Amino acid sequence: MNSLKPEDTAVYHCAAGSYYNDYST
């Protein structure tokens, strides 16, 4: 993460899925 902005403030979660272009998985 570069050029971070205040609006980037959050809890960041990693997840595993089936399809990279369908994050509902």
PDBML (XML) file of the C-alpha atoms, coordinates in Angstrom:
<?xml version="1.0" encoding="UTF-8" ?>
<PDBx:datablock datablockName="MODEL"
   xmlns:PDBx="http://pdbml.pdb.org/schema/pdbx-v50.xsd"
   xmlns:xsi="http://www.w3.org/2001/XMLSchema-instance"
   xsi:schemaLocation="http://pdbml.pdb.org/schema/pdbx-v50.xsd pdbx-v50.xsd">
   <PDBx:atom_siteCategory>
      <PDBx:atom_site id="1">
         <PDBx:B_iso_or_equiv>0.00</PDBx:B_iso_or_equiv>
         <PDBx:Cartn_x>0.000</PDBx:Cartn_x>
         <PDBx:Cartn_y>0.000</PDBx:Cartn_y>
         <PDBx:Cartn_z>0.000</PDBx:Cartn_z>
         <PDBx:auth_asym_id>A</PDBx:auth_asym_id>
         <PDBx:auth_atom_id>CA</PDBx:auth_atom_id>
         <PDBx:auth_comp_id>MET</PDBx:auth_comp_id>
         <PDBx:auth_seq_id>1</PDBx:auth_seq_id>
         <PDBx:group_PDB>ATOM</PDBx:group_PDB>
         <PDBx:label_alt_id xsi:nil="true" />
         <PDBx:label_asym_id>A</PDBx:label_asym_id>
         <PDBx:label_atom_id>CA</PDBx:label_atom_id>
         <PDBx:label_comp_id>MET</PDBx:label_comp_id>
         <PDBx:label_entity_id>1</PDBx:label_entity_id>
         <PDBx:label_seq_id>1</PDBx:label_seq_id>
         <PDBx:occupancy>1.00</PDBx:occupancy>
         <PDBx:pdbx_PDB_model_num>1</PDBx:pdbx_PDB_model_num>
         <PDBx:type_symbol>C</PDBx:type_symbol>
      </PDBx:atom_site>
      <PDBx:atom_site id="2">
         <PDBx:B_iso_or_equiv>0.00</PDBx:B_iso_or_equiv>
         <PDBx:Cartn_x>1.555</PDBx:Cartn_x>
         <PDBx:Cartn_y>3.242</PDBx:Cartn_y>
         <PDBx:Cartn_z>-1.193</PDBx:Cartn_z>
         <PDBx:auth_asym_id>A</PDBx:auth_asym_id>
         <PDBx:auth_atom_id>CA</PDBx:auth_atom_id>
         <PDBx:auth_comp_id>ASN</PDBx:auth_comp_id>
         <PDBx:auth_seq_id>2</PDBx:auth_seq_id>
         <PDBx:group_PDB>ATOM</PDBx:group_PDB>
         <PDBx:label_alt_id xsi:nil="true" />
         <PDBx:label_asym_id>A</PDBx:label_asym_id>
         <PDBx:label_atom_id>CA</PDBx:label_atom_id>
         <PDBx:label_comp_id>ASN</PDBx:label_comp_id>
         <PDBx:label_entity_id>1</PDBx:label_entity_id>
         <PDBx:label_seq_id>2</PDBx:label_seq_id>
         <PDBx:occupancy>1.00</PDBx:occupancy>
         <PDBx:pdbx_PDB_model_num>1</PDBx:pdbx_PDB_model_num>
         <PDBx:type_symbol>C</PDBx:type_symbol>
      </PDBx:atom_site>
      <PDBx:atom_site id="3">
         <PDBx:B_iso_or_equiv>0.00</PDBx:B_iso_or_equiv>
         <PDBx:Cartn_x>0.393</PDBx:Cartn_x>
         <PDBx:Cartn_y>6.844</PDBx:Cartn_y>
         <PDBx:Cartn_z>-1.100</PDBx:Cartn_z>
         <PDBx:auth_asym_id>A</PDBx:auth_asym_id>
         <PDBx:auth_atom_id>CA</PDBx:auth_atom_id>
         <PDBx:auth_comp_id>SER</PDBx:auth_comp_id>
         <PDBx:auth_seq_id>3</PDBx:auth_seq_id>
         <PDBx:group_PDB>ATOM</PDBx:group_PDB>
         <PDBx:label_alt_id xsi:nil="true" />
         <PDBx:label_asym_id>A</PDBx:label_asym_id>
         <PDBx:label_atom_id>CA</PDBx:label_atom_id>
         <PDBx:label_comp_id>SER</PDBx:label_comp_id>
         <PDBx:label_entity_id>1</PDBx:label_entity_id>
         <PDBx:label_seq_id>3</PDBx:label_seq_id>
         <PDBx:occupancy>1.00</PDBx:occupancy>
         <PDBx:pdbx_PDB_model_num>1</PDBx:pdbx_PDB_model_num>
         <PDBx:type_symbol>C</PDBx:type_symbol>
      </PDBx:atom_site>
      <PDBx:atom_site id="4">
         <PDBx:B_iso_or_equiv>0.00</PDBx:B_iso_or_equiv>
         <PDBx:Cartn_x>-1.901</PDBx:Cartn_x>
         <PDBx:Cartn_y>6.048</PDBx:Cartn_y>
         <PDBx:Cartn_z>1.791</PDBx:Cartn_z>
         <PDBx:auth_asym_id>A</PDBx:auth_asym_id>
         <PDBx:auth_atom_id>CA</PDBx:auth_atom_id>
         <PDBx:auth_comp_id>LEU</PDBx:auth_comp_id>
         <PDBx:auth_seq_id>4</PDBx:auth_seq_id>
         <PDBx:group_PDB>ATOM</PDBx:group_PDB>
         <PDBx:label_alt_id xsi:nil="true" />
         <PDBx:label_asym_id>A</PDBx:label_asym_id>
         <PDBx:label_atom_id>CA</PDBx:label_atom_id>
         <PDBx:label_comp_id>LEU</PDBx:label_comp_id>
         <PDBx:label_entity_id>1</PDBx:label_entity_id>
         <PDBx:label_seq_id>4</PDBx:label_seq_id>
         <PDBx:occupancy>1.00</PDBx:occupancy>
         <PDBx:pdbx_PDB_model_num>1</PDBx:pdbx_PDB_model_num>
         <PDBx:type_symbol>C</PDBx:type_symbol>
      </PDBx:atom_site>
      <PDBx:atom_site id="5">
         <PDBx:B_iso_or_equiv>0.00</PDBx:B_iso_or_equiv>
         <PDBx:Cartn_x>-4.816</PDBx:Cartn_x>
         <PDBx:Cartn_y>8.336</PDBx:Cartn_y>
         <PDBx:Cartn_z>2.520</PDBx:Cartn_z>
         <PDBx:auth_asym_id>A</PDBx:auth_asym_id>
         <PDBx:auth_atom_id>CA</PDBx:auth_atom_id>
         <PDBx:auth_comp_id>LYS</PDBx:auth_comp_id>
         <PDBx:auth_seq_id>5</PDBx:auth_seq_id>
         <PDBx:group_PDB>ATOM</PDBx:group_PDB>
         <PDBx:label_alt_id xsi:nil="true" />
         <PDBx:label_asym_id>A</PDBx:label_asym_id>
         <PDBx:label_atom_id>CA</PDBx:label_atom_id>
         <PDBx:label_comp_id>LYS</PDBx:label_comp_id>
         <PDBx:label_entity_id>1</PDBx:label_entity_id>
         <PDBx:label_seq_id>5</PDBx:label_seq_id>
         <PDBx:occupancy>1.00</PDBx:occupancy>
         <PDBx:pdbx_PDB_model_num>1</PDBx:pdbx_PDB_model_num>
         <PDBx:type_symbol>C</PDBx:type_symbol>
      </PDBx:atom_site>
      <PDBx:atom_site id="6">
         <PDBx:B_iso_or_equiv>0.00</PDBx:B_iso_or_equiv>
         <PDBx:Cartn_x>-6.860</PDBx:Cartn_x>
         <PDBx:Cartn_y>8.830</PDBx:Cartn_y>
         <PDBx:Cartn_z>5.696</PDBx:Cartn_z>
         <PDBx:auth_asym_id>A</PDBx:auth_asym_id>
         <PDBx:auth_atom_id>CA</PDBx:auth_atom_id>
         <PDBx:auth_comp_id>PRO</PDBx:auth_comp_id>
         <PDBx:auth_seq_id>6</PDBx:auth_seq_id>
         <PDBx:group_PDB>ATOM</PDBx:group_PDB>
         <PDBx:label_alt_id xsi:nil="true" />
         <PDBx:label_asym_id>A</PDBx:label_asym_id>
         <PDBx:label_atom_id>CA</PDBx:label_atom_id>
         <PDBx:label_comp_id>PRO</PDBx:label_comp_id>
         <PDBx:label_entity_id>1</PDBx:label_entity_id>
         <PDBx:label_seq_id>6</PDBx:label_seq_id>
         <PDBx:occupancy>1.00</PDBx:occupancy>
         <PDBx:pdbx_PDB_model_num>1</PDBx:pdbx_PDB_model_num>
         <PDBx:type_symbol>C</PDBx:type_symbol>
      </PDBx:atom_site>
      <PDBx:atom_site id="7">
         <PDBx:B_iso_or_equiv>0.00</PDBx:B_iso_or_equiv>
         <PDBx:Cartn_x>-9.811</PDBx:Cartn_x>
         <PDBx:Cartn_y>7.187</PDBx:Cartn_y>
         <PDBx:Cartn_z>3.962</PDBx:Cartn_z>
         <PDBx:auth_asym_id>A</PDBx:auth_asym_id>
         <PDBx:auth_atom_id>CA</PDBx:auth_atom_id>
         <PDBx:auth_comp_id>GLU</PDBx:auth_comp_id>
         <PDBx:auth_seq_id>7</PDBx:auth_seq_id>
         <PDBx:group_PDB>ATOM</PDBx:group_PDB>
         <PDBx:label_alt_id xsi:nil="true" />
         <PDBx:label_asym_id>A</PDBx:label_asym_id>
         <PDBx:label_atom_id>CA</PDBx:label_atom_id>
         <PDBx:label_comp_id>GLU</PDBx:label_comp_id>
         <PDBx:label_entity_id>1</PDBx:label_entity_id>
         <PDBx:label_seq_id>7</PDBx:label_seq_id>
         <PDBx:occupancy>1.00</PDBx:occupancy>
         <PDBx:pdbx_PDB_model_num>1</PDBx:pdbx_PDB_model_num>
         <PDBx:type_symbol>C</PDBx:type_symbol>
      </PDBx:atom_site>
      <PDBx:atom_site id="8">
         <PDBx:B_iso_or_equiv>0.00</PDBx:B_iso_or_equiv>
         <PDBx:Cartn_x>-7.754</PDBx:Cartn_x>
         <PDBx:Cartn_y>3.988</PDBx:Cartn_y>
         <PDBx:Cartn_z>3.760</PDBx:Cartn_z>
         <PDBx:auth_asym_id>A</PDBx:auth_asym_id>
         <PDBx:auth_atom_id>CA</PDBx:auth_atom_id>
         <PDBx:auth_comp_id>ASP</PDBx:auth_comp_id>
         <PDBx:auth_seq_id>8</PDBx:auth_seq_id>
         <PDBx:group_PDB>ATOM</PDBx:group_PDB>
         <PDBx:label_alt_id xsi:nil="true" />
         <PDBx:label_asym_id>A</PDBx:label_asym_id>
         <PDBx:label_atom_id>CA</PDBx:label_atom_id>
         <PDBx:label_comp_id>ASP</PDBx:label_comp_id>
         <PDBx:label_entity_id>1</PDBx:label_entity_id>
         <PDBx:label_seq_id>8</PDBx:label_seq_id>
         <PDBx:occupancy>1.00</PDBx:occupancy>
         <PDBx:pdbx_PDB_model_num>1</PDBx:pdbx_PDB_model_num>
         <PDBx:type_symbol>C</PDBx:type_symbol>
      </PDBx:atom_site>
      <PDBx:atom_site id="9">
         <PDBx:B_iso_or_equiv>0.00</PDBx:B_iso_or_equiv>
         <PDBx:Cartn_x>-8.075</PDBx:Cartn_x>
         <PDBx:Cartn_y>3.632</PDBx:Cartn_y>
         <PDBx:Cartn_z>7.524</PDBx:Cartn_z>
         <PDBx:auth_asym_id>A</PDBx:auth_asym_id>
         <PDBx:auth_atom_id>CA</PDBx:auth_atom_id>
         <PDBx:auth_comp_id>THR</PDBx:auth_comp_id>
         <PDBx:auth_seq_id>9</PDBx:auth_seq_id>
         <PDBx:group_PDB>ATOM</PDBx:group_PDB>
         <PDBx:label_alt_id xsi:nil="true" />
         <PDBx:label_asym_id>A</PDBx:label_asym_id>
         <PDBx:label_atom_id>CA</PDBx:label_atom_id>
         <PDBx:label_comp_id>THR</PDBx:label_comp_id>
         <PDBx:label_entity_id>1</PDBx:label_entity_id>
         <PDBx:label_seq_id>9</PDBx:label_seq_id>
         <PDBx:occupancy>1.00</PDBx:occupancy>
         <PDBx:pdbx_PDB_model_num>1</PDBx:pdbx_PDB_model_num>
         <PDBx:type_symbol>C</PDBx:type_symbol>
      </PDBx:atom_site>
      <PDBx:atom_site id="10">
         <PDBx:B_iso_or_equiv>0.00</PDBx:B_iso_or_equiv>
         <PDBx:Cartn_x>-9.792</PDBx:Cartn_x>
         <PDBx:Cartn_y>0.324</PDBx:Cartn_y>
         <PDBx:Cartn_z>8.257</PDBx:Cartn_z>
         <PDBx:auth_asym_id>A</PDBx:auth_asym_id>
         <PDBx:auth_atom_id>CA</PDBx:auth_atom_id>
         <PDBx:auth_comp_id>ALA</PDBx:auth_comp_id>
         <PDBx:auth_seq_id>10</PDBx:auth_seq_id>
         <PDBx:group_PDB>ATOM</PDBx:group_PDB>
         <PDBx:label_alt_id xsi:nil="true" />
         <PDBx:label_asym_id>A</PDBx:label_asym_id>
         <PDBx:label_atom_id>CA</PDBx:label_atom_id>
         <PDBx:label_comp_id>ALA</PDBx:label_comp_id>
         <PDBx:label_entity_id>1</PDBx:label_entity_id>
         <PDBx:label_seq_id>10</PDBx:label_seq_id>
         <PDBx:occupancy>1.00</PDBx:occupancy>
         <PDBx:pdbx_PDB_model_num>1</PDBx:pdbx_PDB_model_num>
         <PDBx:type_symbol>C</PDBx:type_symbol>
      </PDBx:atom_site>
      <PDBx:atom_site id="11">
         <PDBx:B_iso_or_equiv>0.00</PDBx:B_iso_or_equiv>
         <PDBx:Cartn_x>-9.332</PDBx:Cartn_x>
         <PDBx:Cartn_y>-3.201</PDBx:Cartn_y>
         <PDBx:Cartn_z>9.488</PDBx:Cartn_z>
         <PDBx:auth_asym_id>A</PDBx:auth_asym_id>
         <PDBx:auth_atom_id>CA</PDBx:auth_atom_id>
         <PDBx:auth_comp_id>VAL</PDBx:auth_comp_id>
         <PDBx:auth_seq_id>11</PDBx:auth_seq_id>
         <PDBx:group_PDB>ATOM</PDBx:group_PDB>
         <PDBx:label_alt_id xsi:nil="true" />
         <PDBx:label_asym_id>A</PDBx:label_asym_id>
         <PDBx:label_atom_id>CA</PDBx:label_atom_id>
         <PDBx:label_comp_id>VAL</PDBx:label_comp_id>
         <PDBx:label_entity_id>1</PDBx:label_entity_id>
         <PDBx:label_seq_id>11</PDBx:label_seq_id>
         <PDBx:occupancy>1.00</PDBx:occupancy>
         <PDBx:pdbx_PDB_model_num>1</PDBx:pdbx_PDB_model_num>
         <PDBx:type_symbol>C</PDBx:type_symbol>
      </PDBx:atom_site>
      <PDBx:atom_site id="12">
         <PDBx:B_iso_or_equiv>0.00</PDBx:B_iso_or_equiv>
         <PDBx:Cartn_x>-7.886</PDBx:Cartn_x>
         <PDBx:Cartn_y>-5.164</PDBx:Cartn_y>
         <PDBx:Cartn_z>6.607</PDBx:Cartn_z>
         <PDBx:auth_asym_id>A</PDBx:auth_asym_id>
         <PDBx:auth_atom_id>CA</PDBx:auth_atom_id>
         <PDBx:auth_comp_id>TYR</PDBx:auth_comp_id>
         <PDBx:auth_seq_id>12</PDBx:auth_seq_id>
         <PDBx:group_PDB>ATOM</PDBx:group_PDB>
         <PDBx:label_alt_id xsi:nil="true" />
         <PDBx:label_asym_id>A</PDBx:label_asym_id>
         <PDBx:label_atom_id>CA</PDBx:label_atom_id>
         <PDBx:label_comp_id>TYR</PDBx:label_comp_id>
         <PDBx:label_entity_id>1</PDBx:label_entity_id>
         <PDBx:label_seq_id>12</PDBx:label_seq_id>
         <PDBx:occupancy>1.00</PDBx:occupancy>
         <PDBx:pdbx_PDB_model_num>1</PDBx:pdbx_PDB_model_num>
         <PDBx:type_symbol>C</PDBx:type_symbol>
      </PDBx:atom_site>
      <PDBx:atom_site id="13">
         <PDBx:B_iso_or_equiv>0.00</PDBx:B_iso_or_equiv>
         <PDBx:Cartn_x>-8.850</PDBx:Cartn_x>
         <PDBx:Cartn_y>-8.797</PDBx:Cartn_y>
         <PDBx:Cartn_z>6.194</PDBx:Cartn_z>
         <PDBx:auth_asym_id>A</PDBx:auth_asym_id>
         <PDBx:auth_atom_id>CA</PDBx:auth_atom_id>
         <PDBx:auth_comp_id>HIS</PDBx:auth_comp_id>
         <PDBx:auth_seq_id>13</PDBx:auth_seq_id>
         <PDBx:group_PDB>ATOM</PDBx:group_PDB>
         <PDBx:label_alt_id xsi:nil="true" />
         <PDBx:label_asym_id>A</PDBx:label_asym_id>
         <PDBx:label_atom_id>CA</PDBx:label_atom_id>
         <PDBx:label_comp_id>HIS</PDBx:label_comp_id>
         <PDBx:label_entity_id>1</PDBx:label_entity_id>
         <PDBx:label_seq_id>13</PDBx:label_seq_id>
         <PDBx:occupancy>1.00</PDBx:occupancy>
         <PDBx:pdbx_PDB_model_num>1</PDBx:pdbx_PDB_model_num>
         <PDBx:type_symbol>C</PDBx:type_symbol>
      </PDBx:atom_site>
      <PDBx:atom_site id="14">
         <PDBx:B_iso_or_equiv>0.00</PDBx:B_iso_or_equiv>
         <PDBx:Cartn_x>-7.371</PDBx:Cartn_x>
         <PDBx:Cartn_y>-11.486</PDBx:Cartn_y>
         <PDBx:Cartn_z>4.027</PDBx:Cartn_z>
         <PDBx:auth_asym_id>A</PDBx:auth_asym_id>
         <PDBx:auth_atom_id>CA</PDBx:auth_atom_id>
         <PDBx:auth_comp_id>CYS</PDBx:auth_comp_id>
         <PDBx:auth_seq_id>14</PDBx:auth_seq_id>
         <PDBx:group_PDB>ATOM</PDBx:group_PDB>
         <PDBx:label_alt_id xsi:nil="true" />
         <PDBx:label_asym_id>A</PDBx:label_asym_id>
         <PDBx:label_atom_id>CA</PDBx:label_atom_id>
         <PDBx:label_comp_id>CYS</PDBx:label_comp_id>
         <PDBx:label_entity_id>1</PDBx:label_entity_id>
         <PDBx:label_seq_id>14</PDBx:label_seq_id>
         <PDBx:occupancy>1.00</PDBx:occupancy>
         <PDBx:pdbx_PDB_model_num>1</PDBx:pdbx_PDB_model_num>
         <PDBx:type_symbol>C</PDBx:type_symbol>
      </PDBx:atom_site>
      <PDBx:atom_site id="15">
         <PDBx:B_iso_or_equiv>0.00</PDBx:B_iso_or_equiv>
         <PDBx:Cartn_x>-9.582</PDBx:Cartn_x>
         <PDBx:Cartn_y>-14.170</PDBx:Cartn_y>
         <PDBx:Cartn_z>2.531</PDBx:Cartn_z>
         <PDBx:auth_asym_id>A</PDBx:auth_asym_id>
         <PDBx:auth_atom_id>CA</PDBx:auth_atom_id>
         <PDBx:auth_comp_id>ALA</PDBx:auth_comp_id>
         <PDBx:auth_seq_id>15</PDBx:auth_seq_id>
         <PDBx:group_PDB>ATOM</PDBx:group_PDB>
         <PDBx:label_alt_id xsi:nil="true" />
         <PDBx:label_asym_id>A</PDBx:label_asym_id>
         <PDBx:label_atom_id>CA</PDBx:label_atom_id>
         <PDBx:label_comp_id>ALA</PDBx:label_comp_id>
         <PDBx:label_entity_id>1</PDBx:label_entity_id>
         <PDBx:label_seq_id>15</PDBx:label_seq_id>
         <PDBx:occupancy>1.00</PDBx:occupancy>
         <PDBx:pdbx_PDB_model_num>1</PDBx:pdbx_PDB_model_num>
         <PDBx:type_symbol>C</PDBx:type_symbol>
      </PDBx:atom_site>
      <PDBx:atom_site id="16">
         <PDBx:B_iso_or_equiv>0.00</PDBx:B_iso_or_equiv>
         <PDBx:Cartn_x>-9.427</PDBx:Cartn_x>
         <PDBx:Cartn_y>-17.207</PDBx:Cartn_y>
         <PDBx:Cartn_z>0.292</PDBx:Cartn_z>
         <PDBx:auth_asym_id>A</PDBx:auth_asym_id>
         <PDBx:auth_atom_id>CA</PDBx:auth_atom_id>
         <PDBx:auth_comp_id>ALA</PDBx:auth_comp_id>
         <PDBx:auth_seq_id>16</PDBx:auth_seq_id>
         <PDBx:group_PDB>ATOM</PDBx:group_PDB>
         <PDBx:label_alt_id xsi:nil="true" />
         <PDBx:label_asym_id>A</PDBx:label_asym_id>
         <PDBx:label_atom_id>CA</PDBx:label_atom_id>
         <PDBx:label_comp_id>ALA</PDBx:label_comp_id>
         <PDBx:label_entity_id>1</PDBx:label_entity_id>
         <PDBx:label_seq_id>16</PDBx:label_seq_id>
         <PDBx:occupancy>1.00</PDBx:occupancy>
         <PDBx:pdbx_PDB_model_num>1</PDBx:pdbx_PDB_model_num>
         <PDBx:type_symbol>C</PDBx:type_symbol>
      </PDBx:atom_site>
      <PDBx:atom_site id="17">
         <PDBx:B_iso_or_equiv>0.00</PDBx:B_iso_or_equiv>
         <PDBx:Cartn_x>-11.899</PDBx:Cartn_x>
         <PDBx:Cartn_y>-17.834</PDBx:Cartn_y>
         <PDBx:Cartn_z>-2.476</PDBx:Cartn_z>
         <PDBx:auth_asym_id>A</PDBx:auth_asym_id>
         <PDBx:auth_atom_id>CA</PDBx:auth_atom_id>
         <PDBx:auth_comp_id>GLY</PDBx:auth_comp_id>
         <PDBx:auth_seq_id>17</PDBx:auth_seq_id>
         <PDBx:group_PDB>ATOM</PDBx:group_PDB>
         <PDBx:label_alt_id xsi:nil="true" />
         <PDBx:label_asym_id>A</PDBx:label_asym_id>
         <PDBx:label_atom_id>CA</PDBx:label_atom_id>
         <PDBx:label_comp_id>GLY</PDBx:label_comp_id>
         <PDBx:label_entity_id>1</PDBx:label_entity_id>
         <PDBx:label_seq_id>17</PDBx:label_seq_id>
         <PDBx:occupancy>1.00</PDBx:occupancy>
         <PDBx:pdbx_PDB_model_num>1</PDBx:pdbx_PDB_model_num>
         <PDBx:type_symbol>C</PDBx:type_symbol>
      </PDBx:atom_site>
      <PDBx:atom_site id="18">
         <PDBx:B_iso_or_equiv>0.00</PDBx:B_iso_or_equiv>
         <PDBx:Cartn_x>-12.656</PDBx:Cartn_x>
         <PDBx:Cartn_y>-19.726</PDBx:Cartn_y>
         <PDBx:Cartn_z>-5.634</PDBx:Cartn_z>
         <PDBx:auth_asym_id>A</PDBx:auth_asym_id>
         <PDBx:auth_atom_id>CA</PDBx:auth_atom_id>
         <PDBx:auth_comp_id>SER</PDBx:auth_comp_id>
         <PDBx:auth_seq_id>18</PDBx:auth_seq_id>
         <PDBx:group_PDB>ATOM</PDBx:group_PDB>
         <PDBx:label_alt_id xsi:nil="true" />
         <PDBx:label_asym_id>A</PDBx:label_asym_id>
         <PDBx:label_atom_id>CA</PDBx:label_atom_id>
         <PDBx:label_comp_id>SER</PDBx:label_comp_id>
         <PDBx:label_entity_id>1</PDBx:label_entity_id>
         <PDBx:label_seq_id>18</PDBx:label_seq_id>
         <PDBx:occupancy>1.00</PDBx:occupancy>
         <PDBx:pdbx_PDB_model_num>1</PDBx:pdbx_PDB_model_num>
         <PDBx:type_symbol>C</PDBx:type_symbol>
      </PDBx:atom_site>
      <PDBx:atom_site id="19">
         <PDBx:B_iso_or_equiv>0.00</PDBx:B_iso_or_equiv>
         <PDBx:Cartn_x>-12.602</PDBx:Cartn_x>
         <PDBx:Cartn_y>-17.003</PDBx:Cartn_y>
         <PDBx:Cartn_z>-8.290</PDBx:Cartn_z>
         <PDBx:auth_asym_id>A</PDBx:auth_asym_id>
         <PDBx:auth_atom_id>CA</PDBx:auth_atom_id>
         <PDBx:auth_comp_id>TYR</PDBx:auth_comp_id>
         <PDBx:auth_seq_id>19</PDBx:auth_seq_id>
         <PDBx:group_PDB>ATOM</PDBx:group_PDB>
         <PDBx:label_alt_id xsi:nil="true" />
         <PDBx:label_asym_id>A</PDBx:label_asym_id>
         <PDBx:label_atom_id>CA</PDBx:label_atom_id>
         <PDBx:label_comp_id>TYR</PDBx:label_comp_id>
         <PDBx:label_entity_id>1</PDBx:label_entity_id>
         <PDBx:label_seq_id>19</PDBx:label_seq_id>
         <PDBx:occupancy>1.00</PDBx:occupancy>
         <PDBx:pdbx_PDB_model_num>1</PDBx:pdbx_PDB_model_num>
         <PDBx:type_symbol>C</PDBx:type_symbol>
      </PDBx:atom_site>
      <PDBx:atom_site id="20">
         <PDBx:B_iso_or_equiv>0.00</PDBx:B_iso_or_equiv>
         <PDBx:Cartn_x>-10.544</PDBx:Cartn_x>
         <PDBx:Cartn_y>-13.838</PDBx:Cartn_y>
         <PDBx:Cartn_z>-8.184</PDBx:Cartn_z>
         <PDBx:auth_asym_id>A</PDBx:auth_asym_id>
         <PDBx:auth_atom_id>CA</PDBx:auth_atom_id>
         <PDBx:auth_comp_id>TYR</PDBx:auth_comp_id>
         <PDBx:auth_seq_id>20</PDBx:auth_seq_id>
         <PDBx:group_PDB>ATOM</PDBx:group_PDB>
         <PDBx:label_alt_id xsi:nil="true" />
         <PDBx:label_asym_id>A</PDBx:label_asym_id>
         <PDBx:label_atom_id>CA</PDBx:label_atom_id>
         <PDBx:label_comp_id>TYR</PDBx:label_comp_id>
         <PDBx:label_entity_id>1</PDBx:label_entity_id>
         <PDBx:label_seq_id>20</PDBx:label_seq_id>
         <PDBx:occupancy>1.00</PDBx:occupancy>
         <PDBx:pdbx_PDB_model_num>1</PDBx:pdbx_PDB_model_num>
         <PDBx:type_symbol>C</PDBx:type_symbol>
      </PDBx:atom_site>
      <PDBx:atom_site id="21">
         <PDBx:B_iso_or_equiv>0.00</PDBx:B_iso_or_equiv>
         <PDBx:Cartn_x>-13.166</PDBx:Cartn_x>
         <PDBx:Cartn_y>-11.905</PDBx:Cartn_y>
         <PDBx:Cartn_z>-10.121</PDBx:Cartn_z>
         <PDBx:auth_asym_id>A</PDBx:auth_asym_id>
         <PDBx:auth_atom_id>CA</PDBx:auth_atom_id>
         <PDBx:auth_comp_id>ASN</PDBx:auth_comp_id>
         <PDBx:auth_seq_id>21</PDBx:auth_seq_id>
         <PDBx:group_PDB>ATOM</PDBx:group_PDB>
         <PDBx:label_alt_id xsi:nil="true" />
         <PDBx:label_asym_id>A</PDBx:label_asym_id>
         <PDBx:label_atom_id>CA</PDBx:label_atom_id>
         <PDBx:label_comp_id>ASN</PDBx:label_comp_id>
         <PDBx:label_entity_id>1</PDBx:label_entity_id>
         <PDBx:label_seq_id>21</PDBx:label_seq_id>
         <PDBx:occupancy>1.00</PDBx:occupancy>
         <PDBx:pdbx_PDB_model_num>1</PDBx:pdbx_PDB_model_num>
         <PDBx:type_symbol>C</PDBx:type_symbol>
      </PDBx:atom_site>
      <PDBx:atom_site id="22">
         <PDBx:B_iso_or_equiv>0.00</PDBx:B_iso_or_equiv>
         <PDBx:Cartn_x>-16.092</PDBx:Cartn_x>
         <PDBx:Cartn_y>-12.987</PDBx:Cartn_y>
         <PDBx:Cartn_z>-7.954</PDBx:Cartn_z>
         <PDBx:auth_asym_id>A</PDBx:auth_asym_id>
         <PDBx:auth_atom_id>CA</PDBx:auth_atom_id>
         <PDBx:auth_comp_id>ASP</PDBx:auth_comp_id>
         <PDBx:auth_seq_id>22</PDBx:auth_seq_id>
         <PDBx:group_PDB>ATOM</PDBx:group_PDB>
         <PDBx:label_alt_id xsi:nil="true" />
         <PDBx:label_asym_id>A</PDBx:label_asym_id>
         <PDBx:label_atom_id>CA</PDBx:label_atom_id>
         <PDBx:label_comp_id>ASP</PDBx:label_comp_id>
         <PDBx:label_entity_id>1</PDBx:label_entity_id>
         <PDBx:label_seq_id>22</PDBx:label_seq_id>
         <PDBx:occupancy>1.00</PDBx:occupancy>
         <PDBx:pdbx_PDB_model_num>1</PDBx:pdbx_PDB_model_num>
         <PDBx:type_symbol>C</PDBx:type_symbol>
      </PDBx:atom_site>
      <PDBx:atom_site id="23">
         <PDBx:B_iso_or_equiv>0.00</PDBx:B_iso_or_equiv>
         <PDBx:Cartn_x>-15.429</PDBx:Cartn_x>
         <PDBx:Cartn_y>-11.966</PDBx:Cartn_y>
         <PDBx:Cartn_z>-4.378</PDBx:Cartn_z>
         <PDBx:auth_asym_id>A</PDBx:auth_asym_id>
         <PDBx:auth_atom_id>CA</PDBx:auth_atom_id>
         <PDBx:auth_comp_id>TYR</PDBx:auth_comp_id>
         <PDBx:auth_seq_id>23</PDBx:auth_seq_id>
         <PDBx:group_PDB>ATOM</PDBx:group_PDB>
         <PDBx:label_alt_id xsi:nil="true" />
         <PDBx:label_asym_id>A</PDBx:label_asym_id>
         <PDBx:label_atom_id>CA</PDBx:label_atom_id>
         <PDBx:label_comp_id>TYR</PDBx:label_comp_id>
         <PDBx:label_entity_id>1</PDBx:label_entity_id>
         <PDBx:label_seq_id>23</PDBx:label_seq_id>
         <PDBx:occupancy>1.00</PDBx:occupancy>
         <PDBx:pdbx_PDB_model_num>1</PDBx:pdbx_PDB_model_num>
         <PDBx:type_symbol>C</PDBx:type_symbol>
      </PDBx:atom_site>
      <PDBx:atom_site id="24">
         <PDBx:B_iso_or_equiv>0.00</PDBx:B_iso_or_equiv>
         <PDBx:Cartn_x>-18.710</PDBx:Cartn_x>
         <PDBx:Cartn_y>-13.439</PDBx:Cartn_y>
         <PDBx:Cartn_z>-3.216</PDBx:Cartn_z>
         <PDBx:auth_asym_id>A</PDBx:auth_asym_id>
         <PDBx:auth_atom_id>CA</PDBx:auth_atom_id>
         <PDBx:auth_comp_id>SER</PDBx:auth_comp_id>
         <PDBx:auth_seq_id>24</PDBx:auth_seq_id>
         <PDBx:group_PDB>ATOM</PDBx:group_PDB>
         <PDBx:label_alt_id xsi:nil="true" />
         <PDBx:label_asym_id>A</PDBx:label_asym_id>
         <PDBx:label_atom_id>CA</PDBx:label_atom_id>
         <PDBx:label_comp_id>SER</PDBx:label_comp_id>
         <PDBx:label_entity_id>1</PDBx:label_entity_id>
         <PDBx:label_seq_id>24</PDBx:label_seq_id>
         <PDBx:occupancy>1.00</PDBx:occupancy>
         <PDBx:pdbx_PDB_model_num>1</PDBx:pdbx_PDB_model_num>
         <PDBx:type_symbol>C</PDBx:type_symbol>
      </PDBx:atom_site>
      <PDBx:atom_site id="25">
         <PDBx:B_iso_or_equiv>0.00</PDBx:B_iso_or_equiv>
         <PDBx:Cartn_x>-16.861</PDBx:Cartn_x>
         <PDBx:Cartn_y>-16.770</PDBx:Cartn_y>
         <PDBx:Cartn_z>-3.288</PDBx:Cartn_z>
         <PDBx:auth_asym_id>A</PDBx:auth_asym_id>
         <PDBx:auth_atom_id>CA</PDBx:auth_atom_id>
         <PDBx:auth_comp_id>THR</PDBx:auth_comp_id>
         <PDBx:auth_seq_id>25</PDBx:auth_seq_id>
         <PDBx:group_PDB>ATOM</PDBx:group_PDB>
         <PDBx:label_alt_id xsi:nil="true" />
         <PDBx:label_asym_id>A</PDBx:label_asym_id>
         <PDBx:label_atom_id>CA</PDBx:label_atom_id>
         <PDBx:label_comp_id>THR</PDBx:label_comp_id>
         <PDBx:label_entity_id>1</PDBx:label_entity_id>
         <PDBx:label_seq_id>25</PDBx:label_seq_id>
         <PDBx:occupancy>1.00</PDBx:occupancy>
         <PDBx:pdbx_PDB_model_num>1</PDBx:pdbx_PDB_model_num>
         <PDBx:type_symbol>C</PDBx:type_symbol>
      </PDBx:atom_site>
   </PDBx:atom_siteCategory>
</PDBx:datablock>
